[in-house]
């Protein structure tokens, strides 16, 4: 079922509100998109100077110029250089932990009342993917409002990356399958809260199957995918020791060329962003960060 959020569920009185938005390199005003900007990433840096004990209770996307914004992701990055308003995305180190995001069709991220996300000292990178097909000069100040809970919450969640980073879609392929299995190393129950499938224009469908240690199987998610309407889904269930998750992405490629993975709109992805707690539990052995990907 698609996540539905009651605007009154998280009143401002329960939060300290912060905003991070795309901005001019000087730190003031909207980001200036030049006429030659067609398919690029920009990374904006923020330091909210938090005390290290703050938890996010909700994230609200700020959608400014949706004609040119492909998607944006918010990373907590405690080691990022905050002396500048913008950094080169290619130089961003591996210390970044994704905590929220938006793409066309996505909505607010509101966590259950007993769950929060650790915001650390408040250093963030807002990564915005711009796709300016018209290639005309314009501006954008998209971003995210962060609801920081005023009352501590007993459970801390993180976002993990499921899916696959190893694939290429043959020319003229139909219903082509790409699979990745998440075998978490954590031995205690993992509470799965939400899934957000992400592919590009060739993506047609995603499924997520729960394979229990006893051999039983349950289809957790089976929905069509639309590049222009990337929905989020509440999928509450518990992953126990020995269980695994099989993510399958389906593609149609009518082109005369092989399409591989990449950040550009003409490339492809097979990602399922999963919100779960305890923090960091949904990670595979050998991966840095909250990645849980592996061979089927």
C-alpha atoms as a PDB file:
ATOM      1  CA  UNK A   1       0.000   0.000   0.000  1.00  0.00           C
ATOM      2  CA  UNK A   2       1.335   3.448  -0.860  1.00  0.00           C
ATOM      3  CA  UNK A   3       2.286   5.479   2.194  1.00  0.00           C
ATOM      4  CA  UNK A   4      -0.371   8.034   3.158  1.00  0.00           C
ATOM      5  CA  UNK A   5       0.634  10.825   5.527  1.00  0.00           C
ATOM      6  CA  UNK A   6      -1.802  12.860   7.596  1.00  0.00           C
ATOM      7  CA  UNK A   7      -0.422  16.441   7.625  1.00  0.00           C
ATOM      8  CA  UNK A   8      -1.498  16.683  11.296  1.00  0.00           C
ATOM      9  CA  UNK A   9       0.372  13.514  12.274  1.00  0.00           C
ATOM     10  CA  UNK A  10       3.579  15.420  12.999  1.00  0.00           C
ATOM     11  CA  UNK A  11       2.634  18.930  14.189  1.00  0.00           C
ATOM     12  CA  UNK A  12       5.325  21.610  14.280  1.00  0.00           C
ATOM     13  CA  UNK A  13       4.917  21.728  18.072  1.00  0.00           C
ATOM     14  CA  UNK A  14       6.550  18.274  18.272  1.00  0.00           C
ATOM     15  CA  UNK A  15       9.553  19.367  16.194  1.00  0.00           C
ATOM     16  CA  UNK A  16      12.395  21.747  15.821  1.00  0.00           C
ATOM     17  CA  UNK A  17      12.239  22.475  12.095  1.00  0.00           C
ATOM     18  CA  UNK A  18      15.284  22.904   9.864  1.00  0.00           C
ATOM     19  CA  UNK A  19      15.595  23.458   6.111  1.00  0.00           C
ATOM     20  CA  UNK A  20      18.331  22.472   3.661  1.00  0.00           C
ATOM     21  CA  UNK A  21      17.861  23.803   0.131  1.00  0.00           C
ATOM     22  CA  UNK A  22      19.774  24.101  -3.117  1.00  0.00           C
ATOM     23  CA  UNK A  23      21.473  27.482  -3.092  1.00  0.00           C
ATOM     24  CA  UNK A  24      23.869  29.800  -4.846  1.00  0.00           C
ATOM     25  CA  UNK A  25      27.570  29.096  -4.388  1.00  0.00           C
ATOM     26  CA  UNK A  26      27.814  32.214  -2.260  1.00  0.00           C
ATOM     27  CA  UNK A  27      25.350  30.694   0.180  1.00  0.00           C
ATOM     28  CA  UNK A  28      22.454  33.067  -0.515  1.00  0.00           C
ATOM     29  CA  UNK A  29      19.583  32.814  -2.990  1.00  0.00           C
ATOM     30  CA  UNK A  30      18.571  29.925  -5.287  1.00  0.00           C
ATOM     31  CA  UNK A  31      20.953  27.802  -7.294  1.00  0.00           C
ATOM     32  CA  UNK A  32      21.636  29.266 -10.745  1.00  0.00           C
ATOM     33  CA  UNK A  33      21.238  26.659 -13.488  1.00  0.00           C
ATOM     34  CA  UNK A  34      23.168  27.637 -16.576  1.00  0.00           C
ATOM     35  CA  UNK A  35      21.901  27.014 -20.136  1.00  0.00           C
ATOM     36  CA  UNK A  36      24.379  24.147 -20.695  1.00  0.00           C
ATOM     37  CA  UNK A  37      23.251  22.167 -17.629  1.00  0.00           C
ATOM     38  CA  UNK A  38      21.595  19.041 -19.045  1.00  0.00           C
ATOM     39  CA  UNK A  39      22.243  15.978 -16.820  1.00  0.00           C
ATOM     40  CA  UNK A  40      24.427  16.722 -13.787  1.00  0.00           C
ATOM     41  CA  UNK A  41      24.716  16.266 -10.015  1.00  0.00           C
ATOM     42  CA  UNK A  42      25.219  19.157  -7.613  1.00  0.00           C
ATOM     43  CA  UNK A  43      26.086  18.708  -3.918  1.00  0.00           C
ATOM     44  CA  UNK A  44      25.170  21.431  -1.413  1.00  0.00           C
ATOM     45  CA  UNK A  45      26.700  21.414   2.082  1.00  0.00           C
ATOM     46  CA  UNK A  46      25.064  22.424   5.381  1.00  0.00           C
ATOM     47  CA  UNK A  47      26.072  22.594   9.020  1.00  0.00           C
ATOM     48  CA  UNK A  48      23.077  22.819  11.372  1.00  0.00           C
ATOM     49  CA  UNK A  49      25.356  22.609  14.434  1.00  0.00           C
ATOM     50  CA  UNK A  50      23.308  20.026  16.326  1.00  0.00           C
ATOM     51  CA  UNK A  51      24.378  18.565  19.660  1.00  0.00           C
ATOM     52  CA  UNK A  52      24.866  14.995  18.429  1.00  0.00           C
ATOM     53  CA  UNK A  53      21.808  13.572  20.193  1.00  0.00           C
ATOM     54  CA  UNK A  54      19.113  14.845  17.810  1.00  0.00           C
ATOM     55  CA  UNK A  55      16.752  12.463  15.992  1.00  0.00           C
ATOM     56  CA  UNK A  56      14.683  13.191  12.899  1.00  0.00           C
ATOM     57  CA  UNK A  57      11.001  12.306  13.187  1.00  0.00           C
ATOM     58  CA  UNK A  58      10.000  13.304   9.657  1.00  0.00           C
ATOM     59  CA  UNK A  59      11.306  14.721   6.383  1.00  0.00           C
ATOM     60  CA  UNK A  60       9.221  16.966   4.097  1.00  0.00           C
ATOM     61  CA  UNK A  61      10.436  17.494   0.510  1.00  0.00           C
ATOM     62  CA  UNK A  62      10.524  21.072  -0.774  1.00  0.00           C
ATOM     63  CA  UNK A  63       9.725  20.855  -4.484  1.00  0.00           C
ATOM     64  CA  UNK A  64      10.697  24.090  -6.188  1.00  0.00           C
ATOM     65  CA  UNK A  65      11.578  23.745  -9.871  1.00  0.00           C
ATOM     66  CA  UNK A  66      10.340  20.248 -10.710  1.00  0.00           C
ATOM     67  CA  UNK A  67      10.834  20.912 -14.424  1.00  0.00           C
ATOM     68  CA  UNK A  68      14.575  20.465 -13.969  1.00  0.00           C
ATOM     69  CA  UNK A  69      14.940  18.349 -10.803  1.00  0.00           C
ATOM     70  CA  UNK A  70      15.362  14.641 -11.560  1.00  0.00           C
ATOM     71  CA  UNK A  71      15.626  13.677  -7.862  1.00  0.00           C
ATOM     72  CA  UNK A  72      17.471  14.668  -4.701  1.00  0.00           C
ATOM     73  CA  UNK A  73      18.995  12.733  -1.798  1.00  0.00           C
ATOM     74  CA  UNK A  74      19.954  13.954   1.658  1.00  0.00           C
ATOM     75  CA  UNK A  75      23.090  12.477   3.245  1.00  0.00           C
ATOM     76  CA  UNK A  76      24.341  12.840   6.787  1.00  0.00           C
ATOM     77  CA  UNK A  77      28.105  13.308   6.427  1.00  0.00           C
ATOM     78  CA  UNK A  78      29.943  14.051   9.674  1.00  0.00           C
ATOM     79  CA  UNK A  79      33.313  14.458   7.893  1.00  0.00           C
ATOM     80  CA  UNK A  80      32.279  16.831   5.086  1.00  0.00           C
ATOM     81  CA  UNK A  81      34.031  20.186   4.688  1.00  0.00           C
ATOM     82  CA  UNK A  82      31.378  22.753   5.600  1.00  0.00           C
ATOM     83  CA  UNK A  83      33.476  25.805   4.763  1.00  0.00           C
ATOM     84  CA  UNK A  84      31.835  26.018   1.326  1.00  0.00           C
ATOM     85  CA  UNK A  85      28.196  26.036   0.269  1.00  0.00           C
ATOM     86  CA  UNK A  86      28.809  23.489  -2.535  1.00  0.00           C
ATOM     87  CA  UNK A  87      31.295  20.688  -3.160  1.00  0.00           C
ATOM     88  CA  UNK A  88      32.142  18.517  -6.145  1.00  0.00           C
ATOM     89  CA  UNK A  89      29.955  15.409  -5.857  1.00  0.00           C
ATOM     90  CA  UNK A  90      32.801  13.285  -7.240  1.00  0.00           C
ATOM     91  CA  UNK A  91      34.961  14.200  -4.264  1.00  0.00           C
ATOM     92  CA  UNK A  92      32.363  13.361  -1.610  1.00  0.00           C
ATOM     93  CA  UNK A  93      33.882  10.674   0.592  1.00  0.00           C
ATOM     94  CA  UNK A  94      32.293   7.401   1.681  1.00  0.00           C
ATOM     95  CA  UNK A  95      31.258   8.735   5.072  1.00  0.00           C
ATOM     96  CA  UNK A  96      27.877   9.884   3.756  1.00  0.00           C
ATOM     97  CA  UNK A  97      24.775   8.042   5.017  1.00  0.00           C
ATOM     98  CA  UNK A  98      21.559   8.580   3.094  1.00  0.00           C
ATOM     99  CA  UNK A  99      18.662   9.592   5.348  1.00  0.00           C
ATOM    100  CA  UNK A 100      15.926  10.882   2.999  1.00  0.00           C
ATOM    101  CA  UNK A 101      15.142  11.762  -0.597  1.00  0.00           C
ATOM    102  CA  UNK A 102      12.628  12.717  -3.250  1.00  0.00           C
ATOM    103  CA  UNK A 103      11.800  11.875  -6.858  1.00  0.00           C
ATOM    104  CA  UNK A 104       8.628  12.639  -8.867  1.00  0.00           C
ATOM    105  CA  UNK A 105       5.704  10.884  -7.157  1.00  0.00           C
ATOM    106  CA  UNK A 106       7.385  10.540  -3.754  1.00  0.00           C
ATOM    107  CA  UNK A 107       5.912  12.143  -0.659  1.00  0.00           C
ATOM    108  CA  UNK A 108       6.779  12.943   2.937  1.00  0.00           C
ATOM    109  CA  UNK A 109       8.829  10.613   5.130  1.00  0.00           C
ATOM    110  CA  UNK A 110       7.124  10.362   8.549  1.00  0.00           C
ATOM    111  CA  UNK A 111       8.516   7.804  10.990  1.00  0.00           C
ATOM    112  CA  UNK A 112       6.451   5.887  13.578  1.00  0.00           C
ATOM    113  CA  UNK A 113       6.190   7.589  16.966  1.00  0.00           C
ATOM    114  CA  UNK A 114       8.800   5.345  18.599  1.00  0.00           C
ATOM    115  CA  UNK A 115      11.390   5.613  15.777  1.00  0.00           C
ATOM    116  CA  UNK A 116      13.809   8.382  14.784  1.00  0.00           C
ATOM    117  CA  UNK A 117      16.908   8.852  12.626  1.00  0.00           C
ATOM    118  CA  UNK A 118      20.148  10.001  14.203  1.00  0.00           C
ATOM    119  CA  UNK A 119      21.171  13.401  12.779  1.00  0.00           C
ATOM    120  CA  UNK A 120      24.596  13.442  14.413  1.00  0.00           C
ATOM    121  CA  UNK A 121      26.298  16.855  14.623  1.00  0.00           C
ATOM    122  CA  UNK A 122      24.101  18.226  11.821  1.00  0.00           C
ATOM    123  CA  UNK A 123      26.457  18.142   8.814  1.00  0.00           C
ATOM    124  CA  UNK A 124      24.615  17.261   5.611  1.00  0.00           C
ATOM    125  CA  UNK A 125      25.054  17.020   1.863  1.00  0.00           C
ATOM    126  CA  UNK A 126      22.013  17.603  -0.341  1.00  0.00           C
ATOM    127  CA  UNK A 127      22.710  15.878  -3.673  1.00  0.00           C
ATOM    128  CA  UNK A 128      20.466  17.173  -6.462  1.00  0.00           C
ATOM    129  CA  UNK A 129      20.304  15.584  -9.904  1.00  0.00           C
ATOM    130  CA  UNK A 130      19.377  18.211 -12.492  1.00  0.00           C
ATOM    131  CA  UNK A 131      18.039  17.306 -15.911  1.00  0.00           C
ATOM    132  CA  UNK A 132      17.416  20.533 -17.813  1.00  0.00           C
ATOM    133  CA  UNK A 133      16.088  19.239 -21.127  1.00  0.00           C
ATOM    134  CA  UNK A 134      15.257  22.747 -22.366  1.00  0.00           C
ATOM    135  CA  UNK A 135      18.786  23.884 -21.492  1.00  0.00           C
ATOM    136  CA  UNK A 136      17.563  27.365 -20.670  1.00  0.00           C
ATOM    137  CA  UNK A 137      18.892  29.368 -17.755  1.00  0.00           C
ATOM    138  CA  UNK A 138      16.732  28.933 -14.651  1.00  0.00           C
ATOM    139  CA  UNK A 139      16.946  28.614 -10.867  1.00  0.00           C
ATOM    140  CA  UNK A 140      16.084  26.066  -8.190  1.00  0.00           C
ATOM    141  CA  UNK A 141      15.820  26.015  -4.403  1.00  0.00           C
ATOM    142  CA  UNK A 142      14.467  22.504  -3.829  1.00  0.00           C
ATOM    143  CA  UNK A 143      15.395  20.668  -0.662  1.00  0.00           C
ATOM    144  CA  UNK A 144      14.045  19.107   2.533  1.00  0.00           C
ATOM    145  CA  UNK A 145      12.462  20.314   5.771  1.00  0.00           C
ATOM    146  CA  UNK A 146      13.699  18.238   8.694  1.00  0.00           C
ATOM    147  CA  UNK A 147      11.472  17.677  11.714  1.00  0.00           C
ATOM    148  CA  UNK A 148      13.835  17.096  14.632  1.00  0.00           C
ATOM    149  CA  UNK A 149      11.998  15.375  17.470  1.00  0.00           C
ATOM    150  CA  UNK A 150      11.976  17.276  20.756  1.00  0.00           C
ATOM    151  CA  UNK A 151      11.458  14.054  22.715  1.00  0.00           C
ATOM    152  CA  UNK A 152      13.995  11.198  22.400  1.00  0.00           C
ATOM    153  CA  UNK A 153      12.726   8.042  20.696  1.00  0.00           C
ATOM    154  CA  UNK A 154      13.716   4.520  21.779  1.00  0.00           C
ATOM    155  CA  UNK A 155      14.438   3.117  18.307  1.00  0.00           C
ATOM    156  CA  UNK A 156      16.864   4.501  15.702  1.00  0.00           C
ATOM    157  CA  UNK A 157      16.410   3.691  12.007  1.00  0.00           C
ATOM    158  CA  UNK A 158      18.627   4.049   8.962  1.00  0.00           C
ATOM    159  CA  UNK A 159      18.153   3.802   5.186  1.00  0.00           C
ATOM    160  CA  UNK A 160      19.779   0.817   3.466  1.00  0.00           C
ATOM    161  CA  UNK A 161      20.448   0.268  -0.239  1.00  0.00           C
ATOM    162  CA  UNK A 162      19.088  -2.992  -1.653  1.00  0.00           C
ATOM    163  CA  UNK A 163      19.132  -4.095  -5.283  1.00  0.00           C
ATOM    164  CA  UNK A 164      22.114  -4.525  -7.586  1.00  0.00           C
ATOM    165  CA  UNK A 165      25.152  -2.601  -8.840  1.00  0.00           C
ATOM    166  CA  UNK A 166      26.265  -5.285 -11.299  1.00  0.00           C
ATOM    167  CA  UNK A 167      24.202  -5.412 -14.483  1.00  0.00           C
ATOM    168  CA  UNK A 168      23.753  -4.260 -18.069  1.00  0.00           C
ATOM    169  CA  UNK A 169      20.503  -4.427 -20.058  1.00  0.00           C
ATOM    170  CA  UNK A 170      20.904  -5.837 -23.593  1.00  0.00           C
ATOM    171  CA  UNK A 171      19.563  -3.975 -26.604  1.00  0.00           C
ATOM    172  CA  UNK A 172      15.909  -4.772 -27.412  1.00  0.00           C
ATOM    173  CA  UNK A 173      15.481  -6.765 -24.201  1.00  0.00           C
ATOM    174  CA  UNK A 174      11.934  -7.231 -22.873  1.00  0.00           C
ATOM    175  CA  UNK A 175      11.083  -7.888 -19.240  1.00  0.00           C
ATOM    176  CA  UNK A 176      14.798  -8.222 -18.484  1.00  0.00           C
ATOM    177  CA  UNK A 177      15.457  -9.241 -14.859  1.00  0.00           C
ATOM    178  CA  UNK A 178      18.154  -7.907 -12.543  1.00  0.00           C
ATOM    179  CA  UNK A 179      18.362  -9.450  -9.067  1.00  0.00           C
ATOM    180  CA  UNK A 180      20.185  -8.746  -5.834  1.00  0.00           C
ATOM    181  CA  UNK A 181      19.932 -10.527  -2.496  1.00  0.00           C
ATOM    182  CA  UNK A 182      20.257  -8.918   0.914  1.00  0.00           C
ATOM    183  CA  UNK A 183      21.693 -11.280   3.537  1.00  0.00           C
ATOM    184  CA  UNK A 184      22.127  -9.085   6.608  1.00  0.00           C
ATOM    185  CA  UNK A 185      24.870  -9.953   9.056  1.00  0.00           C
ATOM    186  CA  UNK A 186      22.808  -8.779  12.041  1.00  0.00           C
ATOM    187  CA  UNK A 187      21.616 -11.703  14.162  1.00  0.00           C
ATOM    188  CA  UNK A 188      18.643 -10.066  15.899  1.00  0.00           C
ATOM    189  CA  UNK A 189      15.191  -9.146  14.474  1.00  0.00           C
ATOM    190  CA  UNK A 190      15.240  -6.248  11.985  1.00  0.00           C
ATOM    191  CA  UNK A 191      12.096  -4.113  11.688  1.00  0.00           C
ATOM    192  CA  UNK A 192      11.432  -3.080   8.073  1.00  0.00           C
ATOM    193  CA  UNK A 193       9.295   0.069   7.858  1.00  0.00           C
ATOM    194  CA  UNK A 194       9.293   1.400   4.308  1.00  0.00           C
ATOM    195  CA  UNK A 195      10.533   0.735   0.766  1.00  0.00           C
ATOM    196  CA  UNK A 196      11.243   3.245  -2.016  1.00  0.00           C
ATOM    197  CA  UNK A 197      12.036   1.643  -5.405  1.00  0.00           C
ATOM    198  CA  UNK A 198      14.265   3.659  -7.726  1.00  0.00           C
ATOM    199  CA  UNK A 199      15.069   2.963 -11.375  1.00  0.00           C
ATOM    200  CA  UNK A 200      15.261   5.115 -14.491  1.00  0.00           C
ATOM    201  CA  UNK A 201      13.228   5.285 -17.704  1.00  0.00           C
ATOM    202  CA  UNK A 202      13.615   1.602 -18.689  1.00  0.00           C
ATOM    203  CA  UNK A 203      12.404   0.298 -15.326  1.00  0.00           C
ATOM    204  CA  UNK A 204       8.965  -1.327 -15.459  1.00  0.00           C
ATOM    205  CA  UNK A 205       8.468  -3.262 -12.231  1.00  0.00           C
ATOM    206  CA  UNK A 206      10.084  -4.214  -8.940  1.00  0.00           C
ATOM    207  CA  UNK A 207       9.432  -7.150  -6.640  1.00  0.00           C
ATOM    208  CA  UNK A 208      10.857  -7.911  -3.196  1.00  0.00           C
ATOM    209  CA  UNK A 209      10.542 -11.453  -1.850  1.00  0.00           C
ATOM    210  CA  UNK A 210      11.143 -12.461   1.751  1.00  0.00           C
ATOM    211  CA  UNK A 211      12.902 -15.839   1.963  1.00  0.00           C
ATOM    212  CA  UNK A 212      12.665 -17.221   5.497  1.00  0.00           C
ATOM    213  CA  UNK A 213      15.345 -19.408   7.040  1.00  0.00           C
ATOM    214  CA  UNK A 214      12.831 -22.279   7.177  1.00  0.00           C
ATOM    215  CA  UNK A 215      12.419 -22.227   3.375  1.00  0.00           C
ATOM    216  CA  UNK A 216       9.073 -20.394   3.233  1.00  0.00           C
ATOM    217  CA  UNK A 217       8.641 -17.406   0.914  1.00  0.00           C
ATOM    218  CA  UNK A 218       6.455 -14.276   1.012  1.00  0.00           C
ATOM    219  CA  UNK A 219       6.154 -11.596  -1.670  1.00  0.00           C
ATOM    220  CA  UNK A 220       6.523  -8.334   0.244  1.00  0.00           C
ATOM    221  CA  UNK A 221       6.377  -5.945  -2.705  1.00  0.00           C
ATOM    222  CA  UNK A 222       5.177  -6.406  -6.297  1.00  0.00           C
ATOM    223  CA  UNK A 223       4.313  -3.156  -8.057  1.00  0.00           C
ATOM    224  CA  UNK A 224       4.806  -1.518 -11.463  1.00  0.00           C
ATOM    225  CA  UNK A 225       7.417   1.235 -11.590  1.00  0.00           C
ATOM    226  CA  UNK A 226       7.065   4.594 -13.311  1.00  0.00           C
ATOM    227  CA  UNK A 227       9.996   6.966 -13.756  1.00  0.00           C
ATOM    228  CA  UNK A 228       7.571   9.895 -13.476  1.00  0.00           C
ATOM    229  CA  UNK A 229       5.754   8.582 -10.377  1.00  0.00           C
ATOM    230  CA  UNK A 230       8.213   6.965  -7.976  1.00  0.00           C
ATOM    231  CA  UNK A 231       5.998   5.957  -5.074  1.00  0.00           C
ATOM    232  CA  UNK A 232       7.025   4.999  -1.564  1.00  0.00           C
ATOM    233  CA  UNK A 233       5.437   2.025   0.213  1.00  0.00           C
ATOM    234  CA  UNK A 234       4.881   1.203   3.854  1.00  0.00           C
ATOM    235  CA  UNK A 235       5.854  -2.463   4.250  1.00  0.00           C
ATOM    236  CA  UNK A 236       6.025  -3.247   7.974  1.00  0.00           C
ATOM    237  CA  UNK A 237       7.456  -6.694   8.744  1.00  0.00           C
ATOM    238  CA  UNK A 238      10.263  -8.278  10.749  1.00  0.00           C
ATOM    239  CA  UNK A 239      13.351  -9.901   9.239  1.00  0.00           C
ATOM    240  CA  UNK A 240      14.734 -12.623  11.511  1.00  0.00           C
ATOM    241  CA  UNK A 241      18.154 -14.223  11.719  1.00  0.00           C
ATOM    242  CA  UNK A 242      18.841 -16.346   8.616  1.00  0.00           C
ATOM    243  CA  UNK A 243      16.175 -14.606   6.506  1.00  0.00           C
ATOM    244  CA  UNK A 244      17.037 -12.766   3.277  1.00  0.00           C
ATOM    245  CA  UNK A 245      15.401 -10.371   0.797  1.00  0.00           C
ATOM    246  CA  UNK A 246      15.497 -10.897  -2.983  1.00  0.00           C
ATOM    247  CA  UNK A 247      14.990  -7.691  -4.993  1.00  0.00           C
ATOM    248  CA  UNK A 248      14.157  -8.056  -8.708  1.00  0.00           C
ATOM    249  CA  UNK A 249      14.079  -5.133 -11.144  1.00  0.00           C
ATOM    250  CA  UNK A 250      12.416  -5.558 -14.555  1.00  0.00           C
ATOM    251  CA  UNK A 251      13.304  -3.532 -17.669  1.00  0.00           C
ATOM    252  CA  UNK A 252      12.270  -3.048 -21.292  1.00  0.00           C
ATOM    253  CA  UNK A 253      15.054  -1.698 -23.513  1.00  0.00           C
ATOM    254  CA  UNK A 254      13.795  -0.734 -26.992  1.00  0.00           C
ATOM    255  CA  UNK A 255      17.112   0.894 -27.912  1.00  0.00           C
ATOM    256  CA  UNK A 256      19.862  -0.391 -30.189  1.00  0.00           C
ATOM    257  CA  UNK A 257      22.454  -0.115 -27.428  1.00  0.00           C
ATOM    258  CA  UNK A 258      23.403  -1.864 -24.214  1.00  0.00           C
ATOM    259  CA  UNK A 259      22.376   0.171 -21.143  1.00  0.00           C
ATOM    260  CA  UNK A 260      24.474  -0.136 -18.001  1.00  0.00           C
ATOM    261  CA  UNK A 261      24.329   1.309 -14.519  1.00  0.00           C
ATOM    262  CA  UNK A 262      25.107   4.973 -13.970  1.00  0.00           C
ATOM    263  CA  UNK A 263      23.923   8.292 -12.592  1.00  0.00           C
ATOM    264  CA  UNK A 264      22.693   9.854 -15.834  1.00  0.00           C
ATOM    265  CA  UNK A 265      19.053   9.657 -16.895  1.00  0.00           C
ATOM    266  CA  UNK A 266      20.135   7.640 -19.939  1.00  0.00           C
ATOM    267  CA  UNK A 267      21.791   5.066 -17.646  1.00  0.00           C
ATOM    268  CA  UNK A 268      19.926   2.683 -15.339  1.00  0.00           C
ATOM    269  CA  UNK A 269      19.698   1.808 -11.656  1.00  0.00           C
ATOM    270  CA  UNK A 270      18.227  -0.985  -9.543  1.00  0.00           C
ATOM    271  CA  UNK A 271      17.876   0.455  -6.058  1.00  0.00           C
ATOM    272  CA  UNK A 272      15.423  -0.186  -3.276  1.00  0.00           C
ATOM    273  CA  UNK A 273      15.874   2.279  -0.423  1.00  0.00           C
ATOM    274  CA  UNK A 274      14.656   0.536   2.741  1.00  0.00           C
ATOM    275  CA  UNK A 275      14.038   2.214   6.110  1.00  0.00           C
ATOM    276  CA  UNK A 276      14.682  -0.180   9.008  1.00  0.00           C
ATOM    277  CA  UNK A 277      15.784  -0.394  12.624  1.00  0.00           C
ATOM    278  CA  UNK A 278      17.993  -1.044  14.590  1.00  0.00           C
ATOM    279  CA  UNK A 279      20.308   1.443  12.866  1.00  0.00           C
ATOM    280  CA  UNK A 280      22.763  -0.249  10.522  1.00  0.00           C
ATOM    281  CA  UNK A 281      21.270  -3.703  11.016  1.00  0.00           C
ATOM    282  CA  UNK A 282      20.262  -4.085   7.352  1.00  0.00           C
ATOM    283  CA  UNK A 283      23.833  -4.296   6.033  1.00  0.00           C
ATOM    284  CA  UNK A 284      25.666  -7.115   4.300  1.00  0.00           C
ATOM    285  CA  UNK A 285      29.097  -8.435   5.365  1.00  0.00           C
ATOM    286  CA  UNK A 286      31.922  -6.739   3.485  1.00  0.00           C
ATOM    287  CA  UNK A 287      29.965  -3.625   2.489  1.00  0.00           C
ATOM    288  CA  UNK A 288      30.765  -0.162   3.803  1.00  0.00           C
ATOM    289  CA  UNK A 289      27.781   1.914   4.859  1.00  0.00           C
ATOM    290  CA  UNK A 290      24.211   0.666   4.836  1.00  0.00           C
ATOM    291  CA  UNK A 291      24.468  -1.478   1.701  1.00  0.00           C
ATOM    292  CA  UNK A 292      22.842  -4.897   1.579  1.00  0.00           C
ATOM    293  CA  UNK A 293      23.404  -6.190  -1.922  1.00  0.00           C
ATOM    294  CA  UNK A 294      24.716  -9.506  -3.161  1.00  0.00           C
ATOM    295  CA  UNK A 295      24.319 -12.255  -5.722  1.00  0.00           C
ATOM    296  CA  UNK A 296      20.865 -13.867  -5.956  1.00  0.00           C
END
